[in-house]
N, C-alpha and C. Protein backbone atom coordinates (compact mmCIF):
# COMPACT_ATOMS: atom_id res chain seq x y z
N UNK A 1 21.23 -7.55 -6.37
CA UNK A 1 19.74 -8.72 -5.96
C UNK A 1 18.71 -6.54 -5.96
N UNK A 2 18.04 -7.03 -6.25
CA UNK A 2 17.25 -5.66 -6.47
C UNK A 2 16.52 -5.80 -4.88
N UNK A 3 16.12 -4.35 -4.54
CA UNK A 3 15.74 -4.12 -2.98
C UNK A 3 14.25 -3.35 -3.94
N UNK A 4 13.38 -3.80 -2.99
CA UNK A 4 12.06 -3.43 -2.75
C UNK A 4 11.80 -2.58 -1.57
N UNK A 5 11.26 -1.52 -1.38
CA UNK A 5 10.67 -0.64 -0.27
C UNK A 5 8.96 -1.03 0.14
N UNK A 6 9.07 -1.69 0.78
CA UNK A 6 7.21 -2.40 1.50
C UNK A 6 7.20 -1.18 2.77
N UNK A 7 6.22 -0.30 2.68
CA UNK A 7 5.70 0.71 3.68
C UNK A 7 4.49 -0.15 4.58
N UNK A 8 4.82 0.29 5.73
CA UNK A 8 3.85 -0.27 6.38
C UNK A 8 2.79 0.92 7.41
N UNK A 9 1.86 0.21 7.69
CA UNK A 9 1.22 1.53 8.89
C UNK A 9 0.32 0.71 9.91
N UNK A 10 1.29 -0.35 10.44
CA UNK A 10 0.77 -0.51 11.57
C UNK A 10 0.31 -2.68 11.51
N UNK A 11 -0.11 -2.95 12.29
CA UNK A 11 -0.40 -4.50 11.96
C UNK A 11 -1.72 -4.86 12.25
N UNK A 12 -2.44 -4.80 11.47
CA UNK A 12 -4.20 -5.81 11.01
C UNK A 12 -5.11 -5.09 10.15
N UNK A 13 -5.71 -5.13 10.06
CA UNK A 13 -6.71 -4.96 8.65
C UNK A 13 -7.46 -3.58 9.39
N UNK A 14 -7.82 -3.35 10.34
CA UNK A 14 -8.64 -2.22 10.66
C UNK A 14 -8.14 -0.65 11.63
N UNK A 15 -6.98 -1.04 11.53
CA UNK A 15 -5.88 -0.06 11.83
C UNK A 15 -4.63 0.03 11.41
N UNK A 16 -3.92 -0.55 10.94
CA UNK A 16 -2.93 -1.18 10.31
C UNK A 16 -2.76 -1.59 8.98
N UNK A 17 -1.44 -2.49 8.51
CA UNK A 17 -1.37 -3.18 7.21
C UNK A 17 -2.42 -4.37 7.38
N UNK A 18 -2.70 -4.59 6.58
CA UNK A 18 -3.81 -6.33 6.42
C UNK A 18 -2.41 -6.97 6.31
N UNK A 19 -2.40 -8.38 7.31
CA UNK A 19 -1.64 -8.81 7.58
C UNK A 19 -1.20 -9.91 6.52
N UNK A 20 -2.57 -10.50 5.65
CA UNK A 20 -2.22 -11.61 4.94
C UNK A 20 -1.74 -10.66 3.35
N UNK A 21 -2.27 -9.07 3.43
CA UNK A 21 -1.57 -9.06 1.81
C UNK A 21 -0.38 -8.56 2.09
N UNK A 22 0.14 -8.11 3.46
CA UNK A 22 1.81 -8.20 3.26
C UNK A 22 2.51 -9.12 3.51
N UNK A 23 1.86 -10.22 3.90
CA UNK A 23 3.11 -11.40 3.84
C UNK A 23 2.71 -12.01 2.49
N UNK A 24 1.72 -11.51 1.84
CA UNK A 24 2.01 -12.39 0.55
C UNK A 24 3.07 -11.67 -0.35
N UNK A 25 2.97 -9.94 -0.49
CA UNK A 25 4.15 -9.43 -1.02
C UNK A 25 5.53 -9.89 -0.78
N UNK A 26 5.59 -9.74 0.57
CA UNK A 26 7.17 -10.30 1.34
C UNK A 26 7.47 -11.71 1.01
N UNK A 27 6.35 -12.66 0.78
CA UNK A 27 6.39 -13.89 0.26
C UNK A 27 7.03 -13.87 -1.03
N UNK A 28 6.11 -13.11 -1.99
CA UNK A 28 6.92 -13.23 -3.22
C UNK A 28 7.86 -12.00 -3.81
N UNK A 29 7.97 -11.27 -3.08
CA UNK A 29 9.35 -10.76 -2.91
C UNK A 29 10.77 -11.32 -2.91
N UNK A 30 10.36 -12.25 -2.04
CA UNK A 30 11.58 -13.22 -1.41
C UNK A 30 11.68 -14.27 -2.07
N UNK A 31 10.87 -14.79 -2.87
CA UNK A 31 10.77 -15.95 -3.75
C UNK A 31 11.32 -15.85 -4.88
N UNK A 32 10.76 -14.48 -5.75
CA UNK A 32 11.39 -14.27 -6.55
C UNK A 32 13.30 -13.51 -6.83
N UNK A 33 13.65 -13.87 -5.85
CA UNK A 33 14.67 -13.71 -5.29
C UNK A 33 15.22 -11.43 -5.86
N UNK A 34 13.93 -11.25 -4.46
CA UNK A 34 14.99 -9.88 -4.28
C UNK A 34 14.65 -9.94 -3.12
N UNK A 35 14.97 -8.73 -2.39
CA UNK A 35 15.16 -7.74 -1.27
C UNK A 35 14.04 -7.35 -1.19
N UNK A 36 13.41 -7.28 0.32
CA UNK A 36 12.71 -6.26 0.91
C UNK A 36 13.11 -5.57 2.27
N UNK A 37 12.46 -4.42 2.34
CA UNK A 37 13.09 -4.07 3.38
C UNK A 37 11.70 -3.06 3.95
N UNK A 38 11.20 -3.22 4.81
CA UNK A 38 10.00 -2.92 5.50
C UNK A 38 10.24 -1.16 6.26
N UNK A 39 9.62 -0.42 5.95
CA UNK A 39 9.63 0.75 6.62
C UNK A 39 8.10 1.48 7.44
N UNK A 40 8.13 2.09 8.32
CA UNK A 40 6.93 2.63 8.53
C UNK A 40 7.10 3.54 9.26
N UNK A 41 6.16 4.94 9.19
CA UNK A 41 6.10 6.31 9.86
C UNK A 41 6.11 5.82 11.35
N UNK A 42 6.66 6.74 12.02
CA UNK A 42 7.31 7.16 13.53
C UNK A 42 5.63 7.85 13.96
N UNK A 43 4.59 7.63 14.32
CA UNK A 43 3.56 8.64 15.06
C UNK A 43 2.65 7.62 15.48
N UNK A 44 1.65 8.13 16.38
CA UNK A 44 0.60 7.60 17.10
C UNK A 44 -0.64 7.56 16.15
N UNK A 45 -1.41 6.11 16.51
CA UNK A 45 -2.59 6.21 16.71
C UNK A 45 -3.79 5.76 17.26
N UNK A 46 -5.17 5.86 17.48
CA UNK A 46 -5.88 5.52 18.23
C UNK A 46 -6.27 3.72 17.83
N UNK A 47 -6.07 3.10 18.77
CA UNK A 47 -6.01 1.31 18.44
C UNK A 47 -7.48 0.98 18.35
N UNK A 48 -7.81 -0.13 17.76
CA UNK A 48 -9.34 -0.98 17.20
C UNK A 48 -9.27 -2.32 18.10
N UNK A 49 -10.22 -2.18 18.64
CA UNK A 49 -10.52 -3.96 19.32
C UNK A 49 -11.10 -4.63 18.35
N UNK A 50 -10.46 -5.35 18.14
CA UNK A 50 -10.71 -6.50 16.70
C UNK A 50 -11.83 -6.72 16.98
N UNK A 51 -12.33 -7.29 18.08
CA UNK A 51 -13.87 -8.33 18.20
C UNK A 51 -14.75 -7.39 17.93
N UNK A 52 -14.70 -5.94 18.58
CA UNK A 52 -15.95 -5.12 18.50
C UNK A 52 -15.72 -4.30 17.19
N UNK A 53 -14.53 -4.02 16.90
CA UNK A 53 -14.91 -3.19 15.63
C UNK A 53 -14.17 -1.90 15.82
N UNK A 54 -14.62 -1.90 17.42
CA UNK A 54 -14.63 -0.31 17.85
C UNK A 54 -13.22 0.26 18.74
N UNK A 55 -12.86 1.86 18.42
CA UNK A 55 -11.85 2.28 18.74
C UNK A 55 -11.82 2.00 20.54
N UNK A 56 -10.37 1.72 20.66
CA UNK A 56 -10.11 1.54 22.29
C UNK A 56 -9.68 2.89 22.92
N UNK A 57 -9.61 4.30 22.38
CA UNK A 57 -8.78 5.29 23.12
C UNK A 57 -7.51 4.99 23.65
N UNK A 58 -6.68 4.08 23.12
CA UNK A 58 -5.47 3.74 23.43
C UNK A 58 -4.73 3.89 22.32
N UNK A 59 -3.86 4.98 22.67
CA UNK A 59 -2.78 5.03 21.60
C UNK A 59 -1.77 3.97 21.21
N UNK A 60 -1.43 3.76 19.92
CA UNK A 60 -0.12 2.87 19.66
C UNK A 60 0.63 3.62 18.64
N UNK A 61 1.91 3.04 18.60
CA UNK A 61 2.50 3.60 17.55
C UNK A 61 2.73 2.77 16.50
N UNK A 62 2.89 3.57 15.42
CA UNK A 62 2.97 2.94 13.97
C UNK A 62 4.03 1.84 13.82
N UNK A 63 4.95 2.83 13.94
CA UNK A 63 6.43 2.06 13.94
C UNK A 63 6.50 0.84 14.73
N UNK A 64 6.12 0.95 16.16
CA UNK A 64 6.35 -0.43 16.62
C UNK A 64 5.38 -1.40 16.48
N UNK A 65 4.18 -1.32 16.14
CA UNK A 65 2.66 -2.03 15.67
C UNK A 65 3.32 -2.67 14.82
N UNK A 66 4.05 -2.02 13.34
CA UNK A 66 4.57 -2.73 12.04
C UNK A 66 5.77 -3.44 12.69
N UNK A 67 6.64 -3.28 13.70
CA UNK A 67 7.60 -4.32 14.07
C UNK A 67 6.91 -5.66 14.01
N UNK A 68 5.62 -5.79 15.12
CA UNK A 68 5.04 -6.93 15.42
C UNK A 68 5.10 -8.06 14.54
N UNK A 69 4.61 -7.50 13.30
CA UNK A 69 3.71 -8.01 12.13
C UNK A 69 5.85 -8.52 10.88
N UNK A 70 6.79 -8.37 11.27
CA UNK A 70 7.53 -8.72 10.60
C UNK A 70 9.26 -9.10 11.18
N UNK A 71 8.72 -9.55 12.71
CA UNK A 71 10.07 -9.72 13.51
C UNK A 71 10.74 -8.69 14.17
N UNK A 72 10.29 -7.55 14.24
CA UNK A 72 11.14 -6.73 14.39
C UNK A 72 12.11 -5.62 13.45
N UNK A 73 12.01 -6.18 12.02
CA UNK A 73 12.47 -5.79 10.87
C UNK A 73 11.82 -4.75 10.33
N UNK A 74 11.73 -3.80 10.89
CA UNK A 74 11.33 -2.55 10.01
C UNK A 74 11.60 -1.37 10.39
N UNK A 75 12.44 -0.27 9.90
CA UNK A 75 12.95 0.72 10.25
C UNK A 75 12.06 1.62 9.74
N UNK A 76 12.38 3.15 10.41
CA UNK A 76 11.82 4.51 10.70
C UNK A 76 11.69 5.23 8.93
N UNK A 77 10.07 5.15 9.24
CA UNK A 77 10.30 5.57 7.44
C UNK A 77 10.89 7.20 7.00
N UNK A 78 11.66 7.23 7.96
CA UNK A 78 12.54 8.92 7.91
C UNK A 78 13.99 8.25 7.44
N UNK A 79 14.05 7.24 7.36
CA UNK A 79 15.36 6.62 6.88
C UNK A 79 15.10 6.10 5.67
N UNK A 80 14.16 6.03 5.11
CA UNK A 80 13.88 5.70 3.77
C UNK A 80 15.01 6.66 2.47
N UNK A 81 15.23 6.24 1.63
CA UNK A 81 15.98 6.56 0.57
C UNK A 81 15.52 6.40 -0.42
N UNK A 82 14.74 6.95 -1.34
CA UNK A 82 14.30 6.42 -2.89
C UNK A 82 15.46 5.75 -3.75
N UNK A 83 17.13 6.06 -3.53
CA UNK A 83 17.91 6.11 -4.46
C UNK A 83 18.54 4.54 -3.98
N UNK A 84 18.34 4.38 -2.86
CA UNK A 84 18.68 3.07 -2.89
C UNK A 84 17.84 1.86 -3.15
N UNK A 85 16.76 2.35 -3.62
CA UNK A 85 15.50 1.31 -3.61
C UNK A 85 15.37 1.45 -5.64
N UNK A 86 14.77 -0.23 -5.66
CA UNK A 86 14.18 -0.15 -7.03
C UNK A 86 12.72 0.07 -7.19
N UNK A 87 11.83 -0.45 -5.87
CA UNK A 87 10.61 -0.14 -6.26
C UNK A 87 10.08 0.02 -4.87
N UNK A 88 8.91 0.87 -4.82
CA UNK A 88 7.81 0.88 -3.88
C UNK A 88 6.85 -0.06 -3.13
N UNK A 89 6.48 -0.69 -2.45
CA UNK A 89 5.56 -1.22 -2.47
C UNK A 89 4.35 -1.09 -1.06
N UNK A 90 3.17 -0.59 -1.57
CA UNK A 90 1.98 -0.79 0.11
C UNK A 90 1.11 -1.54 -0.13
N UNK A 91 0.69 -2.17 0.89
CA UNK A 91 0.06 -3.14 1.46
C UNK A 91 -1.42 -2.80 1.56
N UNK A 92 -2.23 -2.67 1.56
CA UNK A 92 -3.45 -2.40 1.68
C UNK A 92 -3.75 -2.57 3.33
N UNK A 93 -4.84 -2.34 3.92
CA UNK A 93 -5.51 -2.48 5.56
C UNK A 93 -5.89 -1.10 5.79
N UNK A 94 -7.10 -1.16 6.69
CA UNK A 94 -7.12 0.65 7.00
C UNK A 94 -6.55 1.74 7.20
N UNK A 95 -5.08 0.82 7.86
CA UNK A 95 -3.56 2.01 8.34
C UNK A 95 -3.46 2.73 7.33
N UNK A 96 -3.91 2.31 6.08
CA UNK A 96 -3.28 3.28 4.75
C UNK A 96 -4.04 4.50 4.87
N UNK A 97 -5.43 4.32 4.90
CA UNK A 97 -6.66 5.24 5.31
C UNK A 97 -6.38 6.02 6.58
N UNK A 98 -5.74 5.77 7.48
CA UNK A 98 -6.38 6.21 8.60
C UNK A 98 -4.90 6.83 9.18
N UNK A 99 -3.55 6.27 8.81
CA UNK A 99 -2.44 6.23 9.41
C UNK A 99 -1.43 6.90 8.39
N UNK A 100 -1.55 6.37 7.07
CA UNK A 100 -0.44 6.66 6.05
C UNK A 100 -1.26 8.15 5.42
N UNK A 101 -2.68 7.85 5.75
CA UNK A 101 -3.46 9.44 4.64
C UNK A 101 -4.92 9.30 5.47
N UNK A 102 -5.59 10.48 5.65
CA UNK A 102 -6.77 10.60 6.12
C UNK A 102 -8.03 10.41 5.58
N UNK A 103 -8.06 9.43 4.03
CA UNK A 103 -9.17 9.25 3.63
C UNK A 103 -10.26 8.82 4.85
N UNK A 104 -10.18 7.75 5.37
CA UNK A 104 -10.88 6.67 6.34
C UNK A 104 -11.75 8.16 7.16
N UNK A 105 -11.47 9.09 7.31
CA UNK A 105 -11.83 10.03 7.73
C UNK A 105 -12.59 11.39 7.64
N UNK A 106 -12.07 11.87 6.15
CA UNK A 106 -12.03 12.70 5.18
C UNK A 106 -12.46 12.55 4.17
N UNK A 107 -12.74 11.42 3.54
CA UNK A 107 -12.77 10.97 1.90
C UNK A 107 -12.38 11.90 1.02
N UNK A 108 -12.61 12.76 0.15
CA UNK A 108 -12.31 13.40 -1.22
C UNK A 108 -11.23 14.82 -0.67
N UNK A 109 -11.93 14.80 0.77
CA UNK A 109 -10.62 15.68 1.29
C UNK A 109 -9.65 15.72 2.11
N UNK A 110 -9.28 14.69 2.04
CA UNK A 110 -8.38 13.96 2.23
C UNK A 110 -6.73 14.37 2.34
N UNK A 111 -5.97 14.46 3.07
CA UNK A 111 -4.24 14.77 3.19
C UNK A 111 -3.81 13.30 3.26
N UNK A 112 -2.50 13.54 2.89
CA UNK A 112 -1.35 12.52 2.95
C UNK A 112 -0.32 12.41 3.75
N UNK A 113 0.05 11.33 4.55
CA UNK A 113 1.39 11.85 5.38
C UNK A 113 2.39 12.40 4.69
N UNK A 114 3.00 13.81 5.04
CA UNK A 114 3.80 13.90 4.68
C UNK A 114 5.40 13.41 3.74
N UNK A 115 5.66 12.65 4.49
CA UNK A 115 6.63 11.54 4.51
C UNK A 115 6.43 10.37 3.31
N UNK A 116 5.04 10.09 3.70
CA UNK A 116 4.58 9.27 2.45
C UNK A 116 4.81 10.14 1.39
N UNK A 117 3.99 11.35 1.24
CA UNK A 117 4.15 11.96 -0.30
C UNK A 117 5.27 12.43 -0.69
N UNK A 118 6.24 12.31 -0.04
CA UNK A 118 7.88 13.07 -0.52
C UNK A 118 8.16 11.48 -0.90
N UNK A 119 8.08 10.30 -0.03
CA UNK A 119 8.31 9.11 -0.86
C UNK A 119 7.70 8.90 -2.37
N UNK A 120 6.67 9.10 -2.22
CA UNK A 120 5.93 8.50 -3.41
C UNK A 120 6.15 9.57 -4.59
N UNK A 121 6.18 10.57 -4.63
CA UNK A 121 6.41 11.69 -5.80
C UNK A 121 8.27 11.47 -6.06
N UNK A 122 9.46 11.24 -5.21
CA UNK A 122 10.52 11.07 -5.59
C UNK A 122 10.42 9.38 -6.36
N UNK A 123 10.07 8.66 -5.57
CA UNK A 123 9.98 6.98 -6.24
C UNK A 123 9.43 7.59 -7.67
N UNK A 124 8.36 8.59 -7.86
CA UNK A 124 7.67 8.91 -9.25
C UNK A 124 9.07 9.37 -9.90
N UNK A 125 9.09 10.45 -9.60
CA UNK A 125 10.64 11.53 -10.50
C UNK A 125 11.66 10.63 -10.85
N UNK A 126 11.85 9.48 -10.43
CA UNK A 126 12.77 8.87 -11.03
C UNK A 126 12.68 7.89 -11.46
N UNK A 127 11.25 7.56 -11.95
CA UNK A 127 11.01 6.60 -12.54
C UNK A 127 10.60 5.20 -12.06
N UNK A 128 10.46 5.44 -11.03
CA UNK A 128 10.80 3.59 -10.22
C UNK A 128 9.55 3.45 -9.87
N UNK A 129 9.23 1.87 -10.05
CA UNK A 129 7.72 1.11 -10.41
C UNK A 129 6.98 1.36 -8.75
N UNK A 130 5.85 1.29 -8.73
CA UNK A 130 4.70 1.52 -7.46
C UNK A 130 3.85 1.11 -7.62
N UNK A 131 3.87 -0.02 -6.78
CA UNK A 131 2.85 -1.00 -6.07
C UNK A 131 1.78 -0.43 -5.13
N UNK A 132 0.24 -1.21 -5.07
CA UNK A 132 -0.55 -0.11 -4.21
C UNK A 132 -1.45 -1.65 -4.35
N UNK A 133 -1.80 -2.41 -3.33
CA UNK A 133 -2.93 -3.46 -2.68
C UNK A 133 -4.13 -2.61 -1.80
N UNK A 134 -5.11 -3.15 -1.95
CA UNK A 134 -6.85 -3.05 -1.72
C UNK A 134 -6.99 -1.19 -1.56
N UNK A 135 -6.93 -1.22 -0.45
CA UNK A 135 -7.29 0.66 -0.18
C UNK A 135 -6.05 1.36 -0.59
N UNK A 136 -5.60 0.84 -0.36
CA UNK A 136 -3.92 1.96 -0.47
C UNK A 136 -3.20 2.92 -2.01
N UNK A 137 -3.87 2.19 -2.98
CA UNK A 137 -4.39 3.03 -4.50
C UNK A 137 -4.56 4.22 -4.09
N UNK A 138 -5.75 4.57 -3.23
CA UNK A 138 -6.21 5.92 -2.84
C UNK A 138 -5.21 7.07 -2.33
N UNK A 139 -3.77 6.55 -1.93
CA UNK A 139 -3.08 7.55 -1.66
C UNK A 139 -2.31 7.81 -3.07
N UNK A 140 -2.20 6.59 -3.92
CA UNK A 140 -1.91 7.24 -4.50
C UNK A 140 -2.76 8.15 -5.93
N UNK A 141 -3.74 7.76 -6.01
CA UNK A 141 -4.37 8.78 -6.81
C UNK A 141 -4.32 10.15 -6.05
N UNK A 142 -4.79 10.49 -4.66
CA UNK A 142 -4.31 11.81 -4.24
C UNK A 142 -3.02 12.37 -4.52
N UNK A 143 -1.38 11.55 -4.51
CA UNK A 143 -0.73 12.28 -4.74
C UNK A 143 -0.15 12.14 -6.47
N UNK A 144 -0.79 11.30 -7.02
CA UNK A 144 -0.37 11.21 -8.47
C UNK A 144 -1.52 11.42 -9.51
N UNK A 145 -2.44 11.24 -8.91
CA UNK A 145 -3.63 10.96 -9.99
C UNK A 145 -3.80 12.34 -11.07
N UNK A 146 -3.40 13.53 -10.37
CA UNK A 146 -3.08 14.40 -11.75
C UNK A 146 -2.36 14.17 -13.10
N UNK A 147 -1.76 13.09 -12.76
CA UNK A 147 -1.03 12.48 -14.19
C UNK A 147 -1.95 11.84 -14.94
N UNK A 148 -3.22 11.40 -14.21
CA UNK A 148 -3.73 11.00 -15.04
C UNK A 148 -3.35 9.14 -14.99
N UNK A 149 -2.70 8.74 -13.37
CA UNK A 149 -2.87 7.33 -13.65
C UNK A 149 -3.52 6.31 -13.33
N UNK A 150 -3.84 5.24 -14.00
CA UNK A 150 -4.69 4.05 -14.30
C UNK A 150 -4.35 3.14 -12.82
N UNK A 151 -5.75 2.95 -12.18
CA UNK A 151 -5.27 2.55 -10.70
C UNK A 151 -6.94 1.33 -10.77
N UNK A 152 -6.59 0.22 -9.50
CA UNK A 152 -8.04 -0.50 -9.29
C UNK A 152 -8.51 -0.62 -7.88
N UNK A 153 -9.75 -0.90 -7.75
CA UNK A 153 -9.81 -0.88 -6.64
C UNK A 153 -10.70 -2.24 -6.49
N UNK A 154 -10.90 -3.06 -7.75
CA UNK A 154 -11.63 -3.95 -8.12
C UNK A 154 -13.05 -3.59 -8.66
N UNK A 155 -13.78 -2.91 -8.09
CA UNK A 155 -15.28 -2.74 -8.28
C UNK A 155 -15.40 -1.08 -8.15
N UNK A 156 -16.62 -0.53 -8.33
CA UNK A 156 -17.17 1.01 -7.89
C UNK A 156 -17.19 1.14 -6.94
N UNK A 157 -16.65 1.96 -6.19
CA UNK A 157 -16.48 2.18 -4.80
C UNK A 157 -16.55 3.51 -3.98
N UNK A 158 -16.87 3.98 -2.98
CA UNK A 158 -16.41 5.33 -2.62
C UNK A 158 -14.72 5.54 -2.99
N UNK A 159 -13.88 4.83 -2.64
CA UNK A 159 -12.44 5.41 -2.76
C UNK A 159 -12.27 5.43 -4.20
N UNK A 160 -12.92 4.41 -5.82
CA UNK A 160 -12.67 4.87 -6.53
C UNK A 160 -13.10 5.90 -6.91
N UNK A 161 -14.58 6.23 -6.23
CA UNK A 161 -14.92 7.61 -6.87
C UNK A 161 -14.12 9.01 -6.65
N UNK A 162 -13.61 8.70 -5.51
CA UNK A 162 -12.50 9.77 -5.00
C UNK A 162 -11.86 9.79 -5.94
N UNK A 163 -11.22 8.86 -6.13
CA UNK A 163 -9.70 8.46 -7.03
C UNK A 163 -9.77 9.15 -8.65
N UNK A 164 -11.12 8.84 -9.08
CA UNK A 164 -11.30 9.88 -10.63
C UNK A 164 -11.66 10.90 -10.12
N UNK A 165 -12.23 12.10 -9.63
CA UNK A 165 -12.25 12.87 -8.95
C UNK A 165 -11.23 13.74 -8.84
N UNK A 166 -10.21 12.95 -8.51
CA UNK A 166 -8.51 13.12 -8.08
C UNK A 166 -7.87 13.53 -9.54
N UNK A 167 -8.59 13.16 -10.65
CA UNK A 167 -7.43 12.37 -11.79
C UNK A 167 -7.63 11.54 -12.03
N UNK A 168 -7.06 9.96 -11.54
CA UNK A 168 -7.13 8.98 -11.76
C UNK A 168 -8.06 8.55 -12.54
N UNK A 169 -7.81 7.14 -13.50
CA UNK A 169 -9.07 6.45 -14.01
C UNK A 169 -8.54 5.14 -13.19
N UNK A 170 -9.69 4.94 -13.31
CA UNK A 170 -10.22 3.42 -12.12
C UNK A 170 -10.46 2.37 -13.27
N UNK A 171 -9.76 1.41 -12.93
CA UNK A 171 -10.42 0.36 -13.95
C UNK A 171 -10.85 -0.94 -13.11
N UNK A 172 -11.93 -1.22 -13.53
CA UNK A 172 -12.40 -2.90 -12.63
C UNK A 172 -11.67 -4.01 -12.99
N UNK A 173 -11.95 -4.61 -11.96
CA UNK A 173 -10.60 -5.85 -11.47
C UNK A 173 -10.97 -6.80 -10.61
N UNK A 174 -10.83 -7.95 -11.02
CA UNK A 174 -10.96 -9.20 -10.37
C UNK A 174 -10.20 -9.51 -9.42
N UNK A 175 -10.12 -10.03 -7.98
CA UNK A 175 -9.28 -10.23 -6.82
C UNK A 175 -8.06 -10.47 -7.08
N UNK A 176 -7.91 -11.55 -7.65
CA UNK A 176 -6.38 -11.82 -8.20
C UNK A 176 -5.74 -10.75 -9.62
N UNK A 177 -6.34 -10.33 -10.07
CA UNK A 177 -5.97 -9.36 -11.41
C UNK A 177 -4.66 -8.19 -10.78
N UNK A 178 -4.08 -8.04 -11.88
CA UNK A 178 -3.23 -6.56 -11.42
C UNK A 178 -3.21 -5.57 -12.65
N UNK A 179 -3.94 -4.47 -12.05
CA UNK A 179 -3.69 -3.58 -13.07
C UNK A 179 -2.58 -2.64 -13.66
N UNK A 180 -2.02 -2.64 -14.54
CA UNK A 180 -0.93 -1.90 -14.52
C UNK A 180 -0.68 -0.89 -15.58
N UNK A 181 -0.24 0.16 -15.45
CA UNK A 181 -0.07 1.57 -16.07
C UNK A 181 1.40 1.62 -16.27
N UNK A 182 1.92 1.00 -17.27
CA UNK A 182 2.96 0.81 -17.91
C UNK A 182 3.70 2.27 -17.84
N UNK A 183 2.43 2.94 -18.58
CA UNK A 183 3.24 4.49 -18.79
C UNK A 183 4.12 5.01 -17.77
N UNK A 184 3.22 5.13 -16.16
CA UNK A 184 3.50 5.66 -15.17
C UNK A 184 4.47 4.20 -14.03
N UNK A 185 4.42 3.34 -14.70
CA UNK A 185 4.77 2.72 -13.69
C UNK A 185 3.96 2.45 -12.55
N UNK A 186 2.97 2.26 -12.18
CA UNK A 186 1.85 1.93 -11.46
C UNK A 186 1.07 0.70 -11.57
N UNK A 187 1.01 -0.11 -9.95
CA UNK A 187 0.61 -1.24 -10.36
C UNK A 187 -0.43 -1.58 -9.29
N UNK A 188 -1.21 -2.06 -8.93
CA UNK A 188 -2.27 -2.20 -8.18
C UNK A 188 -3.28 -3.48 -8.24
N UNK A 189 -3.75 -4.15 -7.14
CA UNK A 189 -4.47 -4.94 -7.50
C UNK A 189 -5.49 -5.17 -6.32
N UNK A 190 -6.70 -5.13 -6.19
CA UNK A 190 -7.99 -5.06 -5.38
C UNK A 190 -7.73 -5.97 -3.89
N UNK A 191 -7.29 -6.76 -4.26
CA UNK A 191 -7.44 -7.93 -2.86
C UNK A 191 -8.63 -8.16 -1.61
N UNK A 192 -8.73 -7.69 -0.85
CA UNK A 192 -9.46 -7.66 0.30
C UNK A 192 -10.83 -6.79 -0.51
N UNK A 193 -10.59 -5.92 -0.97
CA UNK A 193 -11.49 -4.92 -1.61
C UNK A 193 -13.03 -6.02 -2.59
N UNK A 194 -12.28 -6.97 -2.77
CA UNK A 194 -13.02 -7.86 -3.65
C UNK A 194 -12.83 -9.48 -2.91
N UNK A 195 -11.83 -9.53 -2.45
CA UNK A 195 -11.18 -11.12 -2.55
C UNK A 195 -12.09 -11.36 -1.85
N UNK A 196 -12.87 -12.72 -1.62
CA UNK A 196 -13.17 -13.72 -0.57
C UNK A 196 -12.61 -14.65 0.29
N UNK A 197 -11.47 -15.09 -0.09
CA UNK A 197 -10.28 -16.13 0.81
C UNK A 197 -9.02 -15.53 0.54
N UNK A 198 -7.83 -16.51 1.55
CA UNK A 198 -6.86 -15.92 1.83
C UNK A 198 -6.09 -16.67 0.18
N UNK A 199 -6.47 -17.51 0.00
CA UNK A 199 -5.53 -18.21 -1.47
C UNK A 199 -5.69 -17.28 -2.58
N UNK A 200 -6.71 -15.95 -2.42
CA UNK A 200 -7.00 -15.35 -3.70
C UNK A 200 -5.90 -13.95 -2.99
N UNK A 201 -5.79 -13.88 -2.04
CA UNK A 201 -4.85 -12.77 -1.50
C UNK A 201 -3.42 -12.78 -2.35
N UNK A 202 -3.13 -14.54 -1.31
CA UNK A 202 -1.78 -14.57 -2.00
C UNK A 202 -1.58 -14.57 -3.60
N UNK A 203 -2.50 -15.26 -4.04
CA UNK A 203 -2.46 -15.37 -5.91
C UNK A 203 -1.96 -13.94 -6.05
N UNK A 204 -2.95 -12.82 -5.67
CA UNK A 204 -2.79 -11.99 -5.96
C UNK A 204 -1.32 -10.82 -5.31
N UNK A 205 -1.10 -11.37 -4.47
CA UNK A 205 0.19 -10.86 -3.81
C UNK A 205 1.45 -11.06 -4.98
N UNK A 206 1.43 -12.43 -5.12
CA UNK A 206 2.26 -13.02 -6.05
C UNK A 206 2.04 -12.32 -7.46
N UNK A 207 1.06 -12.15 -8.16
CA UNK A 207 0.81 -11.41 -9.33
C UNK A 207 1.33 -9.97 -9.54
N UNK A 208 0.88 -9.57 -8.19
CA UNK A 208 1.76 -8.01 -8.51
C UNK A 208 3.00 -8.03 -8.59
N UNK A 209 3.77 -8.96 -7.52
CA UNK A 209 5.29 -8.57 -7.34
C UNK A 209 5.76 -9.08 -8.91
N UNK A 210 5.08 -10.27 -9.22
CA UNK A 210 5.63 -10.90 -10.57
C UNK A 210 5.45 -9.80 -11.67
N UNK A 211 4.17 -8.90 -11.72
CA UNK A 211 4.13 -7.95 -12.88
C UNK A 211 5.57 -6.73 -11.97
N UNK A 212 5.90 -6.20 -11.31
CA UNK A 212 6.56 -5.54 -10.70
C UNK A 212 7.80 -5.78 -11.12
N UNK A 213 7.96 -6.90 -11.25
CA UNK A 213 9.70 -7.19 -11.19
C UNK A 213 9.55 -7.32 -12.92
N UNK A 214 8.67 -6.99 -13.56
CA UNK A 214 8.96 -7.29 -15.19
C UNK A 214 9.75 -5.65 -15.82
N UNK A 215 9.43 -4.91 -14.74
CA UNK A 215 10.27 -3.51 -14.74
C UNK A 215 11.31 -3.22 -13.84
N UNK A 216 11.72 -4.55 -13.54
CA UNK A 216 13.31 -4.60 -13.04
C UNK A 216 14.30 -5.43 -13.80
N UNK A 217 13.61 -6.56 -14.51
CA UNK A 217 14.75 -7.26 -15.15
C UNK A 217 15.32 -6.33 -15.93
């Protein structure tokens, strides 16, 4: 059975992994006869009040918050061994831009969490596919943009401009479409960067895992 590592960044779209996007890929992985294992970095972040949209000054832990979403079935990222998995997946949500990287506060001057960078670089070196959803492709742009990877955020936006400055090629796409860079084994779909409803999210999640599976068959 093929094993897919899914990297989480918390619980919820404002300061962690987008829940609907995460569930869409986990469901698709399971339905396609593959196994997923979730990982998250063990680090603290400042939580957001989801009603007001304002930061609460309350510190929470990314690993602990990620566990909320997947019934406790998540491991610390430092336990991730690339050699044990067939592919790597990053759901979207602002956690990708605030916890896995600091794109959300620094823009083009962003840096990527050291453990996340190592996971991406090693997966790429071993020619294993990497999928990213919504805002998460900006992380791939930072780490792999120098290789000229193709990716999508759906439409032109701040993230797409930064990605292109980093060497990546941005391709416009619809909410449920998947941009597949077969040369570099990079798959991306825009999800809530352009999506309007949950049905599009689950269709896009299914589509990106279906395309990912073609690299593994």
